[in-house]
Amino acid sequence: MRKVIEEAHPEEAPAGGWISGPQLADHFGVSSMTIWRWRQDPSLSFPKPITVRHRNFWSMSALRAWERRMALVSAGVTCPPPCDSDSDRNSTADTEAS
């Protein structure tokens, strides 16, 4: 199992897969220090990792939801965390129905 986690590429990982800290930093093209800063900034609501033998692993589904949320924030859409694509569609449909 460890080999599967360590060798998984973020873009190829299944929706429920896990990636390590170095893979996460590589995926976003940032340093491990930047990942640490994102974790410390409560305004970002960065997903929390699980720790296995002193190594952090992030859920790919949680990271994808966070990326969608950050894309909405960048586009000027306000949606409080946890904001996912399903709740965005529901609120849009409610607004359009009014």
C-alpha atoms as a PDB file:
ATOM      1  CA  MET A   1       0.000   0.000   0.000  1.00  0.00           C
ATOM      2  CA  ARG A   2       2.803   2.415   0.863  1.00  0.00           C
ATOM      3  CA  LYS A   3       4.310   1.988  -2.596  1.00  0.00           C
ATOM      4  CA  VAL A   4       0.945   2.770  -4.209  1.00  0.00           C
ATOM      5  CA  ILE A   5       0.586   5.985  -2.188  1.00  0.00           C
ATOM      6  CA  GLU A   6       4.153   7.127  -2.822  1.00  0.00           C
ATOM      7  CA  GLU A   7       4.063   6.445  -6.556  1.00  0.00           C
ATOM      8  CA  ALA A   8       0.636   7.898  -7.281  1.00  0.00           C
ATOM      9  CA  HIS A   9       0.609  10.978  -9.455  1.00  0.00           C
ATOM     10  CA  PRO A  10      -2.019  13.546  -8.397  1.00  0.00           C
ATOM     11  CA  GLU A  11      -3.512  13.820 -11.859  1.00  0.00           C
ATOM     12  CA  GLU A  12      -3.803  10.018 -12.117  1.00  0.00           C
ATOM     13  CA  ALA A  13      -4.981   9.305  -8.572  1.00  0.00           C
ATOM     14  CA  PRO A  14      -8.542   8.123  -8.124  1.00  0.00           C
ATOM     15  CA  ALA A  15     -11.044  10.524  -6.570  1.00  0.00           C
ATOM     16  CA  GLY A  16     -10.598   8.828  -3.207  1.00  0.00           C
ATOM     17  CA  GLY A  17      -6.799   8.514  -3.481  1.00  0.00           C
ATOM     18  CA  TRP A  18      -4.118   9.993  -1.249  1.00  0.00           C
ATOM     19  CA  ILE A  19      -0.917  11.883  -2.047  1.00  0.00           C
ATOM     20  CA  SER A  20       2.109  12.691   0.075  1.00  0.00           C
ATOM     21  CA  GLY A  21       3.445  16.131   1.003  1.00  0.00           C
ATOM     22  CA  PRO A  22       6.194  16.157  -1.661  1.00  0.00           C
ATOM     23  CA  GLN A  23       3.686  15.062  -4.317  1.00  0.00           C
ATOM     24  CA  LEU A  24       1.305  17.781  -3.170  1.00  0.00           C
ATOM     25  CA  ALA A  25       3.991  20.469  -3.426  1.00  0.00           C
ATOM     26  CA  ASP A  26       4.948  19.173  -6.875  1.00  0.00           C
ATOM     27  CA  HIS A  27       1.306  19.147  -7.993  1.00  0.00           C
ATOM     28  CA  PHE A  28       0.875  22.828  -7.123  1.00  0.00           C
ATOM     29  CA  GLY A  29       4.407  23.798  -8.166  1.00  0.00           C
ATOM     30  CA  VAL A  30       5.233  25.221  -4.734  1.00  0.00           C
ATOM     31  CA  SER A  31       7.629  24.447  -1.894  1.00  0.00           C
ATOM     32  CA  SER A  32       6.804  22.425   1.198  1.00  0.00           C
ATOM     33  CA  MET A  33       7.052  25.706   3.120  1.00  0.00           C
ATOM     34  CA  THR A  34       4.202  27.133   1.031  1.00  0.00           C
ATOM     35  CA  ILE A  35       2.086  24.080   1.835  1.00  0.00           C
ATOM     36  CA  TRP A  36       2.858  24.663   5.529  1.00  0.00           C
ATOM     37  CA  ARG A  37       1.812  28.325   5.216  1.00  0.00           C
ATOM     38  CA  TRP A  38      -1.462  27.350   3.514  1.00  0.00           C
ATOM     39  CA  ARG A  39      -2.148  24.937   6.391  1.00  0.00           C
ATOM     40  CA  GLN A  40      -1.529  27.689   8.939  1.00  0.00           C
ATOM     41  CA  ASP A  41      -3.804  30.263   7.245  1.00  0.00           C
ATOM     42  CA  PRO A  42      -7.367  29.741   8.532  1.00  0.00           C
ATOM     43  CA  SER A  43      -8.810  31.942   5.773  1.00  0.00           C
ATOM     44  CA  LEU A  44      -7.756  29.365   3.150  1.00  0.00           C
ATOM     45  CA  SER A  45      -9.440  26.369   4.825  1.00  0.00           C
ATOM     46  CA  PHE A  46      -6.747  24.126   3.352  1.00  0.00           C
ATOM     47  CA  PRO A  47      -7.606  20.419   3.784  1.00  0.00           C
ATOM     48  CA  LYS A  48      -6.119  18.715   6.806  1.00  0.00           C
ATOM     49  CA  PRO A  49      -3.819  15.755   6.157  1.00  0.00           C
ATOM     50  CA  ILE A  50      -3.754  12.406   7.869  1.00  0.00           C
ATOM     51  CA  THR A  51      -0.419  11.430   9.382  1.00  0.00           C
ATOM     52  CA  VAL A  52       1.027   7.958   8.934  1.00  0.00           C
ATOM     53  CA  ARG A  53       4.412   7.243  10.513  1.00  0.00           C
ATOM     54  CA  HIS A  54       5.255  10.945  10.715  1.00  0.00           C
ATOM     55  CA  ARG A  55       4.346  11.566   7.055  1.00  0.00           C
ATOM     56  CA  ASN A  56       1.383  13.622   5.892  1.00  0.00           C
ATOM     57  CA  PHE A  57      -1.064  12.448   3.231  1.00  0.00           C
ATOM     58  CA  TRP A  58      -3.902  14.458   1.689  1.00  0.00           C
ATOM     59  CA  SER A  59      -7.142  13.186   0.262  1.00  0.00           C
ATOM     60  CA  MET A  60      -7.396  13.899  -3.458  1.00  0.00           C
ATOM     61  CA  SER A  61     -11.152  14.482  -3.215  1.00  0.00           C
ATOM     62  CA  ALA A  62     -10.627  17.079  -0.453  1.00  0.00           C
ATOM     63  CA  LEU A  63      -7.905  18.783  -2.502  1.00  0.00           C
ATOM     64  CA  ARG A  64     -10.089  18.893  -5.608  1.00  0.00           C
ATOM     65  CA  ALA A  65     -12.936  20.437  -3.586  1.00  0.00           C
ATOM     66  CA  TRP A  66     -10.473  23.010  -2.183  1.00  0.00           C
ATOM     67  CA  GLU A  67      -9.221  23.829  -5.691  1.00  0.00           C
ATOM     68  CA  ARG A  68     -12.809  24.385  -6.871  1.00  0.00           C
ATOM     69  CA  ARG A  69     -13.471  26.614  -3.874  1.00  0.00           C
ATOM     70  CA  MET A  70     -10.324  28.655  -4.544  1.00  0.00           C
ATOM     71  CA  ALA A  71     -11.288  29.019  -8.222  1.00  0.00           C
ATOM     72  CA  LEU A  72     -14.663  30.416  -7.129  1.00  0.00           C
ATOM     73  CA  VAL A  73     -12.984  32.834  -4.735  1.00  0.00           C
ATOM     74  CA  SER A  74     -10.619  33.975  -7.506  1.00  0.00           C
ATOM     75  CA  ALA A  75     -13.645  34.538  -9.747  1.00  0.00           C
ATOM     76  CA  GLY A  76     -15.239  36.714  -7.063  1.00  0.00           C
ATOM     77  CA  VAL A  77     -17.914  34.204  -6.042  1.00  0.00           C
ATOM     78  CA  THR A  78     -18.429  34.207  -2.294  1.00  0.00           C
ATOM     79  CA  CYS A  79     -19.153  30.836  -0.806  1.00  0.00           C
ATOM     80  CA  PRO A  80     -18.352  29.999   2.825  1.00  0.00           C
ATOM     81  CA  PRO A  81     -16.366  26.826   3.504  1.00  0.00           C
ATOM     82  CA  PRO A  82     -17.048  24.072   2.970  1.00  0.00           C
ATOM     83  CA  CYS A  83     -18.237  25.166  -0.425  1.00  0.00           C
ATOM     84  CA  ASP A  84     -18.447  22.450  -3.036  1.00  0.00           C
ATOM     85  CA  SER A  85     -19.740  22.293  -6.560  1.00  0.00           C
ATOM     86  CA  ASP A  86     -23.035  20.644  -5.525  1.00  0.00           C
ATOM     87  CA  SER A  87     -24.000  23.403  -3.105  1.00  0.00           C
ATOM     88  CA  ASP A  88     -22.972  26.009  -5.699  1.00  0.00           C
ATOM     89  CA  ARG A  89     -25.308  24.443  -8.244  1.00  0.00           C
ATOM     90  CA  ASN A  90     -28.127  24.297  -5.709  1.00  0.00           C
ATOM     91  CA  SER A  91     -27.751  27.936  -4.700  1.00  0.00           C
ATOM     92  CA  THR A  92     -27.561  28.981  -8.363  1.00  0.00           C
ATOM     93  CA  ALA A  93     -30.703  27.002  -9.171  1.00  0.00           C
ATOM     94  CA  ASP A  94     -32.505  28.581  -6.190  1.00  0.00           C
ATOM     95  CA  THR A  95     -31.481  32.050  -7.358  1.00  0.00           C
ATOM     96  CA  GLU A  96     -32.567  31.404 -10.940  1.00  0.00           C
ATOM     97  CA  ALA A  97     -35.939  30.004  -9.779  1.00  0.00           C
ATOM     98  CA  SER A  98     -36.700  33.195  -7.841  1.00  0.00           C
END
